[in-house]
Amino acid sequence: MVKQGHLGVKSPEEIVETTAEIADAFEVVQWFMFFIEVKLQRALSGKCDEEEDTFDYPKDSDGSAKIALIAIEKSMAAYAKLHSYFPEQEDTILNALSLLQQIKRVAEIEFPNAYNFVRPGFDE
């Protein structure tokens, strides 16, 4: 980017904007890196506890799964953004995207009602 600035290919404003987009994408990836596992572990643990319940109310496990699924989707979008700036890292980024897609697919099967969970203050 520095070269593009020196050559006049990109304006200083474009460089600042691009740098901010890259930083945001990295921040999203780092923020959700461990968050997804924790939320899915909570969802699975909660699901085991809820199997004994016979009440018909929104399940906490679906709420945790929904948050994990949202985090997966945001992470996938961030990786796609990074891929557009770092195509030479395609193998690494595609591996991460593939893994996230697999996790998402399993979570959607395990928690089919997760997307229907209404988070107070967020989905209302």
Protein backbone atom coordinates (compact mmCIF):
# COMPACT_ATOMS: atom_id res chain seq x y z
CA MET A 1 0.00 0.00 0.00
CA VAL A 2 2.85 2.31 0.74
CA LYS A 3 4.12 1.69 -2.81
CA GLN A 4 0.68 2.44 -4.23
CA GLY A 5 0.63 5.70 -2.31
CA HIS A 6 4.10 6.69 -3.49
CA LEU A 7 3.24 5.81 -7.09
CA GLY A 8 -0.01 7.75 -6.88
CA VAL A 9 -2.10 4.66 -7.60
CA LYS A 10 -4.10 5.28 -4.44
CA SER A 11 -4.84 8.52 -2.68
CA PRO A 12 -3.96 8.93 0.99
CA GLU A 13 -7.68 8.76 1.77
CA GLU A 14 -8.03 5.45 -0.08
CA ILE A 15 -5.04 4.04 1.77
CA VAL A 16 -6.51 5.08 5.13
CA GLU A 17 -9.88 3.54 4.18
CA THR A 18 -8.29 0.30 2.98
CA THR A 19 -6.11 0.06 6.07
CA ALA A 20 -9.18 0.55 8.28
CA GLU A 21 -11.09 -2.18 6.40
CA ILE A 22 -8.20 -4.61 6.81
CA ALA A 23 -7.84 -3.75 10.50
CA ASP A 24 -11.59 -4.22 11.04
CA ALA A 25 -11.52 -7.63 9.34
CA PHE A 26 -8.57 -8.77 11.46
CA GLU A 27 -10.31 -7.49 14.58
CA VAL A 28 -13.47 -9.47 13.77
CA VAL A 29 -11.47 -12.65 13.16
CA GLN A 30 -9.54 -12.23 16.41
CA TRP A 31 -12.62 -11.30 18.45
CA PHE A 32 -14.64 -14.33 17.38
CA MET A 33 -11.76 -16.84 17.20
CA PHE A 34 -12.43 -18.30 20.65
CA PHE A 35 -15.91 -16.86 21.13
CA ILE A 36 -17.46 -19.32 18.65
CA GLU A 37 -16.16 -22.38 20.48
CA VAL A 38 -17.26 -21.06 23.88
CA LYS A 39 -20.78 -20.29 22.67
CA LEU A 40 -21.15 -23.65 20.94
CA GLN A 41 -19.88 -25.46 24.05
CA ARG A 42 -22.46 -23.56 26.10
CA ALA A 43 -25.18 -24.44 23.59
CA LEU A 44 -24.29 -28.13 23.66
CA SER A 45 -24.07 -28.19 27.45
CA GLY A 46 -27.41 -26.39 27.72
CA LYS A 47 -29.03 -28.74 25.26
CA CYS A 48 -28.08 -31.71 27.44
CA ASP A 49 -29.60 -30.02 30.49
CA GLU A 50 -32.76 -29.00 28.60
CA GLU A 51 -33.53 -32.50 27.37
CA GLU A 52 -35.00 -33.18 30.79
CA ASP A 53 -37.33 -30.15 30.56
CA THR A 54 -40.81 -30.59 29.15
CA PHE A 55 -41.68 -26.89 29.10
CA ASP A 56 -42.37 -25.23 25.78
CA TYR A 57 -40.33 -22.04 25.96
CA PRO A 58 -37.35 -20.61 24.06
CA LYS A 59 -34.26 -22.65 24.80
CA ASP A 60 -31.13 -20.99 26.14
CA SER A 61 -29.14 -23.43 24.01
CA ASP A 62 -30.76 -22.02 20.87
CA GLY A 63 -29.79 -18.52 22.00
CA SER A 64 -26.16 -19.52 22.49
CA ALA A 65 -26.17 -21.35 19.16
CA LYS A 66 -27.66 -18.31 17.41
CA ILE A 67 -24.91 -16.08 18.77
CA ALA A 68 -22.29 -18.59 17.61
CA LEU A 69 -23.87 -18.78 14.15
CA ILE A 70 -23.89 -14.99 13.86
CA ALA A 71 -20.23 -14.94 14.90
CA ILE A 72 -19.44 -17.58 12.29
CA GLU A 73 -21.15 -15.54 9.58
CA LYS A 74 -19.32 -12.36 10.60
CA SER A 75 -16.02 -14.26 10.67
CA MET A 76 -16.65 -15.67 7.23
CA ALA A 77 -17.37 -12.18 5.88
CA ALA A 78 -14.16 -10.90 7.48
CA TYR A 79 -12.11 -13.72 5.94
CA ALA A 80 -13.68 -12.99 2.54
CA LYS A 81 -12.66 -9.33 2.93
CA LEU A 82 -9.12 -10.37 3.87
CA HIS A 83 -8.98 -12.65 0.84
CA SER A 84 -9.78 -9.70 -1.41
CA TYR A 85 -6.74 -7.85 -0.02
CA PHE A 86 -4.41 -10.82 0.40
CA PRO A 87 -5.07 -13.24 -2.48
CA GLU A 88 -1.62 -14.77 -1.95
CA GLN A 89 -2.97 -16.16 1.35
CA GLU A 90 -5.75 -17.99 -0.48
CA ASP A 91 -4.93 -21.46 0.86
CA THR A 92 -4.92 -20.34 4.48
CA ILE A 93 -8.04 -18.22 4.12
CA LEU A 94 -9.98 -20.87 2.19
CA ASN A 95 -9.07 -23.45 4.84
CA ALA A 96 -10.46 -21.15 7.54
CA LEU A 97 -13.61 -20.50 5.50
CA SER A 98 -14.10 -24.20 4.88
CA LEU A 99 -13.75 -25.02 8.56
CA LEU A 100 -16.18 -22.27 9.53
CA GLN A 101 -18.68 -23.52 6.93
CA GLN A 102 -18.44 -27.06 8.33
CA ILE A 103 -18.96 -25.82 11.89
CA LYS A 104 -21.91 -23.73 10.74
CA ARG A 105 -23.52 -26.68 8.96
CA VAL A 106 -23.21 -28.93 12.02
CA ALA A 107 -24.51 -26.20 14.35
CA GLU A 108 -27.53 -25.60 12.11
CA ILE A 109 -28.32 -29.32 12.16
CA GLU A 110 -27.81 -29.63 15.92
CA PHE A 111 -29.82 -26.46 16.67
CA PRO A 112 -32.49 -26.15 13.96
CA ASN A 113 -34.40 -23.49 15.92
CA ALA A 114 -31.42 -21.27 16.66
CA TYR A 115 -32.22 -18.66 14.03
CA ASN A 116 -35.77 -18.37 15.43
CA PHE A 117 -34.53 -17.49 18.91
CA VAL A 118 -35.42 -13.90 19.76
CA ARG A 119 -32.69 -12.13 21.68
CA PRO A 120 -34.21 -9.46 23.92
CA GLY A 121 -32.96 -6.04 22.95
CA PHE A 122 -31.38 -7.30 19.70
CA ASP A 123 -34.02 -9.07 17.65
CA GLU A 124 -37.11 -7.24 18.87
